[in-house]
Amino acid sequence: MRNSFDLKKFLVENKLTTNSRHLGENEYSSEEEDKVHQIMSIVKEKIGFDYPIFEDIVESAIELMDEQEGTGAVEALYAAAETFNEDFQDDGDENGEDITSRMMSILDGMQA
């Protein structure tokens, strides 16, 4: 007999993960979060590096999608990258500004 137990589904349905505990508070599912991660993978591939700031941007994008109903993954990532970019500009962090600018350019092309 084939084992058809889906651990991920079990954990989410029983609210045993951090993300699943928040699902009742918003309309987005792990599927929407997966889209954010998939798009970020494309961005990382196009940039050619995986910077630590990318995870912070992903988290901010997911939070934005939770807060603003109807916000898509690309739009949320762009908005999060833009916020980080402004912070880097204010702090004089040219490397961070360059990374987020490149990310925004890639995301802008995805929105078109």
PDB file of N, CA and C in Angstrom:
ATOM      1  N   MET A   1       0.838  -1.169   0.000  1.00  0.00           N
ATOM      2  CA  MET A   1       0.000   0.000   0.000  1.00  0.00           C
ATOM      3  C   MET A   1       0.893   1.246   0.000  1.00  0.00           C
ATOM      4  N   ARG A   2       0.572   2.182  -0.879  1.00  0.00           N
ATOM      5  CA  ARG A   2       1.357   3.403  -1.027  1.00  0.00           C
ATOM      6  C   ARG A   2       1.012   4.383   0.090  1.00  0.00           C
ATOM      7  N   ASN A   3       2.029   4.971   0.681  1.00  0.00           N
ATOM      8  CA  ASN A   3       1.836   5.952   1.729  1.00  0.00           C
ATOM      9  C   ASN A   3       1.490   7.289   1.089  1.00  0.00           C
ATOM     10  N   SER A   4       0.289   7.786   1.317  1.00  0.00           N
ATOM     11  CA  SER A   4      -0.139   9.047   0.721  1.00  0.00           C
ATOM     12  C   SER A   4      -0.183  10.177   1.740  1.00  0.00           C
ATOM     13  N   PHE A   5       0.477   9.996   2.851  1.00  0.00           N
ATOM     14  CA  PHE A   5       0.501  11.026   3.883  1.00  0.00           C
ATOM     15  C   PHE A   5       1.284  12.238   3.398  1.00  0.00           C
ATOM     16  N   ASP A   6       0.671  13.408   3.481  1.00  0.00           N
ATOM     17  CA  ASP A   6       1.286  14.663   3.058  1.00  0.00           C
ATOM     18  C   ASP A   6       1.650  15.455   4.317  1.00  0.00           C
ATOM     19  N   LEU A   7       2.921  15.408   4.691  1.00  0.00           N
ATOM     20  CA  LEU A   7       3.369  16.055   5.923  1.00  0.00           C
ATOM     21  C   LEU A   7       3.126  17.556   5.893  1.00  0.00           C
ATOM     22  N   LYS A   8       3.450  18.193   4.780  1.00  0.00           N
ATOM     23  CA  LYS A   8       3.264  19.643   4.681  1.00  0.00           C
ATOM     24  C   LYS A   8       1.796  20.012   4.901  1.00  0.00           C
ATOM     25  N   LYS A   9       0.896  19.300   4.239  1.00  0.00           N
ATOM     26  CA  LYS A   9      -0.533  19.563   4.378  1.00  0.00           C
ATOM     27  C   LYS A   9      -0.985  19.342   5.823  1.00  0.00           C
ATOM     28  N   PHE A  10      -0.502  18.281   6.432  1.00  0.00           N
ATOM     29  CA  PHE A  10      -0.854  17.978   7.814  1.00  0.00           C
ATOM     30  C   PHE A  10      -0.423  19.103   8.755  1.00  0.00           C
ATOM     31  N   LEU A  11       0.816  19.565   8.583  1.00  0.00           N
ATOM     32  CA  LEU A  11       1.335  20.618   9.450  1.00  0.00           C
ATOM     33  C   LEU A  11       0.547  21.919   9.288  1.00  0.00           C
ATOM     34  N   VAL A  12       0.241  22.278   8.050  1.00  0.00           N
ATOM     35  CA  VAL A  12      -0.505  23.515   7.788  1.00  0.00           C
ATOM     36  C   VAL A  12      -1.929  23.414   8.324  1.00  0.00           C
ATOM     37  N   GLU A  13      -2.618  22.303   8.029  1.00  0.00           N
ATOM     38  CA  GLU A  13      -4.001  22.145   8.475  1.00  0.00           C
ATOM     39  C   GLU A  13      -4.123  22.145   9.989  1.00  0.00           C
ATOM     40  N   ASN A  14      -3.119  21.638  10.659  1.00  0.00           N
ATOM     41  CA  ASN A  14      -3.157  21.570  12.117  1.00  0.00           C
ATOM     42  C   ASN A  14      -2.443  22.732  12.789  1.00  0.00           C
ATOM     43  N   LYS A  15      -2.107  23.729  11.950  1.00  0.00           N
ATOM     44  CA  LYS A  15      -1.471  24.961  12.436  1.00  0.00           C
ATOM     45  C   LYS A  15      -0.239  24.666  13.296  1.00  0.00           C
ATOM     46  N   LEU A  16       0.619  23.800  12.767  1.00  0.00           N
ATOM     47  CA  LEU A  16       1.824  23.411  13.481  1.00  0.00           C
ATOM     48  C   LEU A  16       3.076  24.100  12.944  1.00  0.00           C
ATOM     49  N   THR A  17       2.908  25.003  11.994  1.00  0.00           N
ATOM     50  CA  THR A  17       4.036  25.788  11.488  1.00  0.00           C
ATOM     51  C   THR A  17       3.768  27.251  11.774  1.00  0.00           C
ATOM     52  N   THR A  18       4.810  28.049  11.801  1.00  0.00           N
ATOM     53  CA  THR A  18       4.662  29.478  12.057  1.00  0.00           C
ATOM     54  C   THR A  18       3.753  30.117  11.024  1.00  0.00           C
ATOM     55  N   ASN A  19       3.989  29.816   9.752  1.00  0.00           N
ATOM     56  CA  ASN A  19       3.188  30.423   8.686  1.00  0.00           C
ATOM     57  C   ASN A  19       1.728  29.986   8.756  1.00  0.00           C
ATOM     58  N   SER A  20       1.481  28.728   9.053  1.00  0.00           N
ATOM     59  CA  SER A  20       0.097  28.252   9.066  1.00  0.00           C
ATOM     60  C   SER A  20      -0.697  28.874  10.202  1.00  0.00           C
ATOM     61  N   ARG A  21      -0.042  29.276  11.259  1.00  0.00           N
ATOM     62  CA  ARG A  21      -0.744  29.930  12.365  1.00  0.00           C
ATOM     63  C   ARG A  21      -1.310  31.264  11.933  1.00  0.00           C
ATOM     64  N   HIS A  22      -0.677  31.875  10.930  1.00  0.00           N
ATOM     65  CA  HIS A  22      -1.101  33.189  10.455  1.00  0.00           C
ATOM     66  C   HIS A  22      -2.108  33.099   9.316  1.00  0.00           C
ATOM     67  N   LEU A  23      -2.349  31.926   8.764  1.00  0.00           N
ATOM     68  CA  LEU A  23      -3.233  31.799   7.607  1.00  0.00           C
ATOM     69  C   LEU A  23      -4.650  32.261   7.902  1.00  0.00           C
ATOM     70  N   GLY A  24      -5.107  32.065   9.097  1.00  0.00           N
ATOM     71  CA  GLY A  24      -6.446  32.512   9.433  1.00  0.00           C
ATOM     72  C   GLY A  24      -6.573  34.021   9.468  1.00  0.00           C
ATOM     73  N   GLU A  25      -5.458  34.715   9.565  1.00  0.00           N
ATOM     74  CA  GLU A  25      -5.464  36.161   9.665  1.00  0.00           C
ATOM     75  C   GLU A  25      -5.432  36.842   8.309  1.00  0.00           C
ATOM     76  N   ASN A  26      -5.172  36.103   7.236  1.00  0.00           N
ATOM     77  CA  ASN A  26      -5.094  36.707   5.913  1.00  0.00           C
ATOM     78  C   ASN A  26      -5.546  35.705   4.875  1.00  0.00           C
ATOM     79  N   GLU A  27      -5.680  36.157   3.639  1.00  0.00           N
ATOM     80  CA  GLU A  27      -6.203  35.271   2.606  1.00  0.00           C
ATOM     81  C   GLU A  27      -5.134  34.502   1.863  1.00  0.00           C
ATOM     82  N   TYR A  28      -3.872  34.807   2.100  1.00  0.00           N
ATOM     83  CA  TYR A  28      -2.813  34.187   1.317  1.00  0.00           C
ATOM     84  C   TYR A  28      -2.431  32.838   1.892  1.00  0.00           C
ATOM     85  N   SER A  29      -2.152  31.938   0.991  1.00  0.00           N
ATOM     86  CA  SER A  29      -1.772  30.584   1.363  1.00  0.00           C
ATOM     87  C   SER A  29      -0.289  30.395   1.124  1.00  0.00           C
ATOM     88  N   SER A  30       0.182  29.231   1.434  1.00  0.00           N
ATOM     89  CA  SER A  30       1.578  28.930   1.165  1.00  0.00           C
ATOM     90  C   SER A  30       1.842  28.964  -0.336  1.00  0.00           C
ATOM     91  N   GLU A  31       0.793  28.787  -1.144  1.00  0.00           N
ATOM     92  CA  GLU A  31       0.947  28.868  -2.600  1.00  0.00           C
ATOM     93  C   GLU A  31       1.387  30.273  -3.018  1.00  0.00           C
ATOM     94  N   GLU A  32       0.786  31.294  -2.418  1.00  0.00           N
ATOM     95  CA  GLU A  32       1.179  32.673  -2.720  1.00  0.00           C
ATOM     96  C   GLU A  32       2.612  32.942  -2.255  1.00  0.00           C
ATOM     97  N   GLU A  33       2.951  32.418  -1.096  1.00  0.00           N
ATOM     98  CA  GLU A  33       4.315  32.579  -0.595  1.00  0.00           C
ATOM     99  C   GLU A  33       5.300  31.846  -1.497  1.00  0.00           C
ATOM    100  N   ASP A  34       4.893  30.687  -2.006  1.00  0.00           N
ATOM    101  CA  ASP A  34       5.744  29.946  -2.938  1.00  0.00           C
ATOM    102  C   ASP A  34       6.033  30.767  -4.181  1.00  0.00           C
ATOM    103  N   LYS A  35       5.038  31.519  -4.652  1.00  0.00           N
ATOM    104  CA  LYS A  35       5.240  32.384  -5.821  1.00  0.00           C
ATOM    105  C   LYS A  35       6.325  33.415  -5.541  1.00  0.00           C
ATOM    106  N   VAL A  36       6.292  33.995  -4.349  1.00  0.00           N
ATOM    107  CA  VAL A  36       7.307  34.985  -3.971  1.00  0.00           C
ATOM    108  C   VAL A  36       8.689  34.337  -4.016  1.00  0.00           C
ATOM    109  N   HIS A  37       8.802  33.141  -3.455  1.00  0.00           N
ATOM    110  CA  HIS A  37      10.092  32.443  -3.440  1.00  0.00           C
ATOM    111  C   HIS A  37      10.542  32.053  -4.853  1.00  0.00           C
ATOM    112  N   GLN A  38       9.595  31.645  -5.691  1.00  0.00           N
ATOM    113  CA  GLN A  38       9.940  31.281  -7.071  1.00  0.00           C
ATOM    114  C   GLN A  38      10.433  32.493  -7.848  1.00  0.00           C
ATOM    115  N   ILE A  39       9.760  33.609  -7.694  1.00  0.00           N
ATOM    116  CA  ILE A  39      10.182  34.831  -8.390  1.00  0.00           C
ATOM    117  C   ILE A  39      11.546  35.272  -7.878  1.00  0.00           C
ATOM    118  N   MET A  40      11.754  35.163  -6.576  1.00  0.00           N
ATOM    119  CA  MET A  40      13.047  35.549  -6.011  1.00  0.00           C
ATOM    120  C   MET A  40      14.156  34.648  -6.541  1.00  0.00           C
ATOM    121  N   SER A  41      13.862  33.384  -6.772  1.00  0.00           N
ATOM    122  CA  SER A  41      14.858  32.479  -7.355  1.00  0.00           C
ATOM    123  C   SER A  41      15.268  32.947  -8.744  1.00  0.00           C
ATOM    124  N   ILE A  42      14.303  33.419  -9.510  1.00  0.00           N
ATOM    125  CA  ILE A  42      14.601  33.952 -10.847  1.00  0.00           C
ATOM    126  C   ILE A  42      15.476  35.190 -10.734  1.00  0.00           C
ATOM    127  N   VAL A  43      15.140  36.067  -9.800  1.00  0.00           N
ATOM    128  CA  VAL A  43      15.924  37.291  -9.586  1.00  0.00           C
ATOM    129  C   VAL A  43      17.358  36.936  -9.205  1.00  0.00           C
ATOM    130  N   LYS A  44      17.514  36.009  -8.269  1.00  0.00           N
ATOM    131  CA  LYS A  44      18.852  35.588  -7.836  1.00  0.00           C
ATOM    132  C   LYS A  44      19.652  35.049  -9.012  1.00  0.00           C
ATOM    133  N   GLU A  45      18.998  34.249  -9.846  1.00  0.00           N
ATOM    134  CA  GLU A  45      19.674  33.668 -11.001  1.00  0.00           C
ATOM    135  C   GLU A  45      20.128  34.765 -11.966  1.00  0.00           C
ATOM    136  N   LYS A  46      19.278  35.751 -12.191  1.00  0.00           N
ATOM    137  CA  LYS A  46      19.617  36.838 -13.119  1.00  0.00           C
ATOM    138  C   LYS A  46      20.721  37.732 -12.563  1.00  0.00           C
ATOM    139  N   ILE A  47      20.712  37.952 -11.258  1.00  0.00           N
ATOM    140  CA  ILE A  47      21.759  38.773 -10.643  1.00  0.00           C
ATOM    141  C   ILE A  47      23.057  37.983 -10.536  1.00  0.00           C
ATOM    142  N   GLY A  48      22.938  36.698 -10.299  1.00  0.00           N
ATOM    143  CA  GLY A  48      24.108  35.834 -10.241  1.00  0.00           C
ATOM    144  C   GLY A  48      24.669  35.628  -8.848  1.00  0.00           C
ATOM    145  N   PHE A  49      24.026  36.187  -7.861  1.00  0.00           N
ATOM    146  CA  PHE A  49      24.474  36.054  -6.473  1.00  0.00           C
ATOM    147  C   PHE A  49      23.266  35.917  -5.574  1.00  0.00           C
ATOM    148  N   ASP A  50      23.495  35.356  -4.399  1.00  0.00           N
ATOM    149  CA  ASP A  50      22.457  35.253  -3.383  1.00  0.00           C
ATOM    150  C   ASP A  50      22.898  36.096  -2.196  1.00  0.00           C
ATOM    151  N   TYR A  51      22.353  37.298  -2.107  1.00  0.00           N
ATOM    152  CA  TYR A  51      22.707  38.213  -1.025  1.00  0.00           C
ATOM    153  C   TYR A  51      21.809  37.966   0.187  1.00  0.00           C
ATOM    154  N   PRO A  52      22.340  38.114   1.393  1.00  0.00           N
ATOM    155  CA  PRO A  52      21.529  37.892   2.602  1.00  0.00           C
ATOM    156  C   PRO A  52      20.284  38.778   2.656  1.00  0.00           C
ATOM    157  N   ILE A  53      20.358  39.966   2.084  1.00  0.00           N
ATOM    158  CA  ILE A  53      19.224  40.896   2.127  1.00  0.00           C
ATOM    159  C   ILE A  53      18.000  40.343   1.402  1.00  0.00           C
ATOM    160  N   PHE A  54      18.214  39.407   0.484  1.00  0.00           N
ATOM    161  CA  PHE A  54      17.101  38.860  -0.284  1.00  0.00           C
ATOM    162  C   PHE A  54      16.054  38.218   0.611  1.00  0.00           C
ATOM    163  N   GLU A  55      16.480  37.517   1.661  1.00  0.00           N
ATOM    164  CA  GLU A  55      15.502  36.880   2.558  1.00  0.00           C
ATOM    165  C   GLU A  55      14.682  37.923   3.304  1.00  0.00           C
ATOM    166  N   ASP A  56      15.310  39.031   3.680  1.00  0.00           N
ATOM    167  CA  ASP A  56      14.569  40.111   4.337  1.00  0.00           C
ATOM    168  C   ASP A  56      13.536  40.714   3.387  1.00  0.00           C
ATOM    169  N   ILE A  57      13.912  40.845   2.126  1.00  0.00           N
ATOM    170  CA  ILE A  57      12.986  41.384   1.122  1.00  0.00           C
ATOM    171  C   ILE A  57      11.817  40.426   0.919  1.00  0.00           C
ATOM    172  N   VAL A  58      12.091  39.133   0.880  1.00  0.00           N
ATOM    173  CA  VAL A  58      11.024  38.132   0.729  1.00  0.00           C
ATOM    174  C   VAL A  58      10.060  38.230   1.911  1.00  0.00           C
ATOM    175  N   GLU A  59      10.581  38.299   3.120  1.00  0.00           N
ATOM    176  CA  GLU A  59       9.728  38.399   4.305  1.00  0.00           C
ATOM    177  C   GLU A  59       8.870  39.658   4.259  1.00  0.00           C
ATOM    178  N   SER A  60       9.472  40.772   3.855  1.00  0.00           N
ATOM    179  CA  SER A  60       8.725  42.028   3.756  1.00  0.00           C
ATOM    180  C   SER A  60       7.638  41.940   2.691  1.00  0.00           C
ATOM    181  N   ALA A  61       7.951  41.285   1.575  1.00  0.00           N
ATOM    182  CA  ALA A  61       6.965  41.129   0.503  1.00  0.00           C
ATOM    183  C   ALA A  61       5.777  40.296   0.970  1.00  0.00           C
ATOM    184  N   ILE A  62       6.052  39.224   1.687  1.00  0.00           N
ATOM    185  CA  ILE A  62       4.970  38.370   2.190  1.00  0.00           C
ATOM    186  C   ILE A  62       4.119  39.135   3.201  1.00  0.00           C
ATOM    187  N   GLU A  63       4.760  39.906   4.060  1.00  0.00           N
ATOM    188  CA  GLU A  63       4.008  40.732   5.015  1.00  0.00           C
ATOM    189  C   GLU A  63       3.123  41.736   4.285  1.00  0.00           C
ATOM    190  N   LEU A  64       3.653  42.344   3.234  1.00  0.00           N
ATOM    191  CA  LEU A  64       2.883  43.311   2.453  1.00  0.00           C
ATOM    192  C   LEU A  64       1.666  42.645   1.816  1.00  0.00           C
ATOM    193  N   MET A  65       1.844  41.446   1.272  1.00  0.00           N
ATOM    194  CA  MET A  65       0.732  40.715   0.673  1.00  0.00           C
ATOM    195  C   MET A  65      -0.327  40.390   1.723  1.00  0.00           C
ATOM    196  N   ASP A  66       0.122  40.104   2.942  1.00  0.00           N
ATOM    197  CA  ASP A  66      -0.807  39.816   4.034  1.00  0.00           C
ATOM    198  C   ASP A  66      -1.610  41.056   4.409  1.00  0.00           C
ATOM    199  N   GLU A  67      -0.943  42.211   4.402  1.00  0.00           N
ATOM    200  CA  GLU A  67      -1.569  43.459   4.832  1.00  0.00           C
ATOM    201  C   GLU A  67      -2.453  44.084   3.763  1.00  0.00           C
ATOM    202  N   GLN A  68      -2.062  43.928   2.503  1.00  0.00           N
ATOM    203  CA  GLN A  68      -2.788  44.586   1.414  1.00  0.00           C
ATOM    204  C   GLN A  68      -3.381  43.546   0.469  1.00  0.00           C
ATOM    205  N   GLU A  69      -4.647  43.288   0.647  1.00  0.00           N
ATOM    206  CA  GLU A  69      -5.350  42.290  -0.156  1.00  0.00           C
ATOM    207  C   GLU A  69      -5.228  42.607  -1.645  1.00  0.00           C
ATOM    208  N   GLY A  70      -4.951  41.583  -2.416  1.00  0.00           N
ATOM    209  CA  GLY A  70      -4.870  41.734  -3.866  1.00  0.00           C
ATOM    210  C   GLY A  70      -3.492  42.081  -4.389  1.00  0.00           C
ATOM    211  N   THR A  71      -2.524  42.258  -3.506  1.00  0.00           N
ATOM    212  CA  THR A  71      -1.162  42.559  -3.941  1.00  0.00           C
ATOM    213  C   THR A  71      -0.513  41.284  -4.457  1.00  0.00           C
ATOM    214  N   GLY A  72      -0.001  41.329  -5.695  1.00  0.00           N
ATOM    215  CA  GLY A  72       0.640  40.173  -6.298  1.00  0.00           C
ATOM    216  C   GLY A  72       2.075  40.020  -5.831  1.00  0.00           C
ATOM    217  N   ALA A  73       2.646  38.873  -6.129  1.00  0.00           N
ATOM    218  CA  ALA A  73       3.998  38.545  -5.681  1.00  0.00           C
ATOM    219  C   ALA A  73       5.047  39.496  -6.260  1.00  0.00           C
ATOM    220  N   VAL A  74       4.978  39.752  -7.562  1.00  0.00           N
ATOM    221  CA  VAL A  74       5.976  40.634  -8.189  1.00  0.00           C
ATOM    222  C   VAL A  74       5.842  42.049  -7.635  1.00  0.00           C
ATOM    223  N   GLU A  75       4.614  42.519  -7.532  1.00  0.00           N
ATOM    224  CA  GLU A  75       4.359  43.859  -7.006  1.00  0.00           C
ATOM    225  C   GLU A  75       4.861  43.997  -5.567  1.00  0.00           C
ATOM    226  N   ALA A  76       4.616  42.979  -4.749  1.00  0.00           N
ATOM    227  CA  ALA A  76       5.052  43.016  -3.353  1.00  0.00           C
ATOM    228  C   ALA A  76       6.576  42.988  -3.246  1.00  0.00           C
ATOM    229  N   LEU A  77       7.218  42.159  -4.065  1.00  0.00           N
ATOM    230  CA  LEU A  77       8.692  42.115  -4.054  1.00  0.00           C
ATOM    231  C   LEU A  77       9.277  43.444  -4.506  1.00  0.00           C
ATOM    232  N   TYR A  78       8.684  44.046  -5.527  1.00  0.00           N
ATOM    233  CA  TYR A  78       9.174  45.337  -6.020  1.00  0.00           C
ATOM    234  C   TYR A  78       9.048  46.400  -4.924  1.00  0.00           C
ATOM    235  N   ALA A  79       7.892  46.452  -4.273  1.00  0.00           N
ATOM    236  CA  ALA A  79       7.673  47.438  -3.218  1.00  0.00           C
ATOM    237  C   ALA A  79       8.650  47.240  -2.065  1.00  0.00           C
ATOM    238  N   ALA A  80       8.884  45.990  -1.691  1.00  0.00           N
ATOM    239  CA  ALA A  80       9.834  45.710  -0.607  1.00  0.00           C
ATOM    240  C   ALA A  80      11.246  46.099  -1.014  1.00  0.00           C
ATOM    241  N   ALA A  81      11.635  45.757  -2.240  1.00  0.00           N
ATOM    242  CA  ALA A  81      12.973  46.122  -2.727  1.00  0.00           C
ATOM    243  C   ALA A  81      13.130  47.636  -2.779  1.00  0.00           C
ATOM    244  N   GLU A  82      12.078  48.327  -3.183  1.00  0.00           N
ATOM    245  CA  GLU A  82      12.111  49.790  -3.265  1.00  0.00           C
ATOM    246  C   GLU A  82      12.312  50.416  -1.883  1.00  0.00           C
ATOM    247  N   THR A  83      11.632  49.867  -0.886  1.00  0.00           N
ATOM    248  CA  THR A  83      11.786  50.361   0.486  1.00  0.00           C
ATOM    249  C   THR A  83      13.214  50.148   0.980  1.00  0.00           C
ATOM    250  N   PHE A  84      13.754  48.959   0.742  1.00  0.00           N
ATOM    251  CA  PHE A  84      15.138  48.687   1.139  1.00  0.00           C
ATOM    252  C   PHE A  84      16.099  49.593   0.375  1.00  0.00           C
ATOM    253  N   ASN A  85      15.819  49.830  -0.898  1.00  0.00           N
ATOM    254  CA  ASN A  85      16.668  50.689  -1.719  1.00  0.00           C
ATOM    255  C   ASN A  85      16.720  52.099  -1.140  1.00  0.00           C
ATOM    256  N   GLU A  86      15.570  52.621  -0.740  1.00  0.00           N
ATOM    257  CA  GLU A  86      15.513  53.954  -0.138  1.00  0.00           C
ATOM    258  C   GLU A  86      16.298  54.001   1.168  1.00  0.00           C
ATOM    259  N   ASP A  87      16.186  52.943   1.954  1.00  0.00           N
ATOM    260  CA  ASP A  87      16.949  52.873   3.209  1.00  0.00           C
ATOM    261  C   ASP A  87      18.454  52.855   2.927  1.00  0.00           C
ATOM    262  N   PHE A  88      18.865  52.080   1.925  1.00  0.00           N
ATOM    263  CA  PHE A  88      20.278  52.030   1.564  1.00  0.00           C
ATOM    264  C   PHE A  88      20.769  53.393   1.077  1.00  0.00           C
ATOM    265  N   GLN A  89      19.941  54.105   0.321  1.00  0.00           N
ATOM    266  CA  GLN A  89      20.309  55.445  -0.143  1.00  0.00           C
ATOM    267  C   GLN A  89      20.505  56.378   1.045  1.00  0.00           C
ATOM    268  N   ASP A  90      19.564  56.318   1.992  1.00  0.00           N
ATOM    269  CA  ASP A  90      19.646  57.168   3.182  1.00  0.00           C
ATOM    270  C   ASP A  90      20.886  56.863   4.010  1.00  0.00           C
ATOM    271  N   ASP A  91      21.274  55.580   4.048  1.00  0.00           N
ATOM    272  CA  ASP A  91      22.426  55.152   4.843  1.00  0.00           C
ATOM    273  C   ASP A  91      23.746  55.285   4.086  1.00  0.00           C
ATOM    274  N   GLY A  92      23.683  55.611   2.807  1.00  0.00           N
ATOM    275  CA  GLY A  92      24.899  55.711   1.994  1.00  0.00           C
ATOM    276  C   GLY A  92      25.507  54.360   1.660  1.00  0.00           C
ATOM    277  N   ASP A  93      24.699  53.311   1.668  1.00  0.00           N
ATOM    278  CA  ASP A  93      25.168  51.959   1.373  1.00  0.00           C
ATOM    279  C   ASP A  93      25.044  51.718  -0.131  1.00  0.00           C
ATOM    280  N   GLU A  94      26.114  51.999  -0.860  1.00  0.00           N
ATOM    281  CA  GLU A  94      26.082  51.896  -2.320  1.00  0.00           C
ATOM    282  C   GLU A  94      25.901  50.458  -2.794  1.00  0.00           C
ATOM    283  N   ASN A  95      26.495  49.494  -2.096  1.00  0.00           N
ATOM    284  CA  ASN A  95      26.353  48.096  -2.483  1.00  0.00           C
ATOM    285  C   ASN A  95      24.899  47.648  -2.353  1.00  0.00           C
ATOM    286  N   GLY A  96      24.283  47.944  -1.226  1.00  0.00           N
ATOM    287  CA  GLY A  96      22.879  47.593  -1.027  1.00  0.00           C
ATOM    288  C   GLY A  96      21.975  48.297  -2.020  1.00  0.00           C
ATOM    289  N   GLU A  97      22.285  49.544  -2.288  1.00  0.00           N
ATOM    290  CA  GLU A  97      21.500  50.313  -3.255  1.00  0.00           C
ATOM    291  C   GLU A  97      21.612  49.694  -4.654  1.00  0.00           C
ATOM    292  N   ASP A  98      22.824  49.286  -5.021  1.00  0.00           N
ATOM    293  CA  ASP A  98      23.038  48.671  -6.335  1.00  0.00           C
ATOM    294  C   ASP A  98      22.282  47.345  -6.454  1.00  0.00           C
ATOM    295  N   ILE A  99      22.377  46.527  -5.430  1.00  0.00           N
ATOM    296  CA  ILE A  99      21.705  45.217  -5.451  1.00  0.00           C
ATOM    297  C   ILE A  99      20.196  45.387  -5.589  1.00  0.00           C
ATOM    298  N   THR A 100      19.616  46.263  -4.773  1.00  0.00           N
ATOM    299  CA  THR A 100      18.168  46.429  -4.818  1.00  0.00           C
ATOM    300  C   THR A 100      17.734  47.129  -6.112  1.00  0.00           C
ATOM    301  N   SER A 101      18.559  48.009  -6.646  1.00  0.00           N
ATOM    302  CA  SER A 101      18.245  48.648  -7.930  1.00  0.00           C
ATOM    303  C   SER A 101      18.201  47.608  -9.046  1.00  0.00           C
ATOM    304  N   ARG A 102      19.171  46.708  -9.040  1.00  0.00           N
ATOM    305  CA  ARG A 102      19.196  45.633 -10.046  1.00  0.00           C
ATOM    306  C   ARG A 102      17.975  44.732  -9.893  1.00  0.00           C
ATOM    307  N   MET A 103      17.632  44.440  -8.652  1.00  0.00           N
ATOM    308  CA  MET A 103      16.461  43.609  -8.394  1.00  0.00           C
ATOM    309  C   MET A 103      15.193  44.297  -8.898  1.00  0.00           C
ATOM    310  N   MET A 104      15.061  45.593  -8.627  1.00  0.00           N
ATOM    311  CA  MET A 104      13.889  46.337  -9.067  1.00  0.00           C
ATOM    312  C   MET A 104      13.796  46.363 -10.589  1.00  0.00           C
ATOM    313  N   SER A 105      14.919  46.475 -11.256  1.00  0.00           N
ATOM    314  CA  SER A 105      14.936  46.483 -12.701  1.00  0.00           C
ATOM    315  C   SER A 105      14.434  45.149 -13.270  1.00  0.00           C
ATOM    316  N   ILE A 106      14.875  44.061 -12.668  1.00  0.00           N
ATOM    317  CA  ILE A 106      14.431  42.722 -13.090  1.00  0.00           C
ATOM    318  C   ILE A 106      12.928  42.560 -12.839  1.00  0.00           C
ATOM    319  N   LEU A 107      12.477  42.958 -11.668  1.00  0.00           N
ATOM    320  CA  LEU A 107      11.062  42.840 -11.329  1.00  0.00           C
ATOM    321  C   LEU A 107      10.201  43.733 -12.214  1.00  0.00           C
ATOM    322  N   ASP A 108      10.716  44.905 -12.544  1.00  0.00           N
ATOM    323  CA  ASP A 108       9.990  45.821 -13.420  1.00  0.00           C
ATOM    324  C   ASP A 108       9.727  45.162 -14.763  1.00  0.00           C
ATOM    325  N   GLY A 109      10.720  44.431 -15.281  1.00  0.00           N
ATOM    326  CA  GLY A 109      10.555  43.703 -16.523  1.00  0.00           C
ATOM    327  C   GLY A 109       9.522  42.590 -16.427  1.00  0.00           C
ATOM    328  N   MET A 110       9.348  42.037 -15.237  1.00  0.00           N
ATOM    329  CA  MET A 110       8.364  40.965 -15.035  1.00  0.00           C
ATOM    330  C   MET A 110       6.942  41.523 -14.976  1.00  0.00           C
ATOM    331  N   GLN A 111       6.816  42.777 -14.564  1.00  0.00           N
ATOM    332  CA  GLN A 111       5.489  43.397 -14.440  1.00  0.00           C
ATOM    333  C   GLN A 111       4.943  43.816 -15.801  1.00  0.00           C
ATOM    334  N   ALA A 112       5.829  44.048 -16.747  1.00  0.00           N
ATOM    335  CA  ALA A 112       5.395  44.558 -18.059  1.00  0.00           C
ATOM    336  C   ALA A 112       4.648  43.548 -18.866  1.00  0.00           C
TER     337      ALA A 112
END
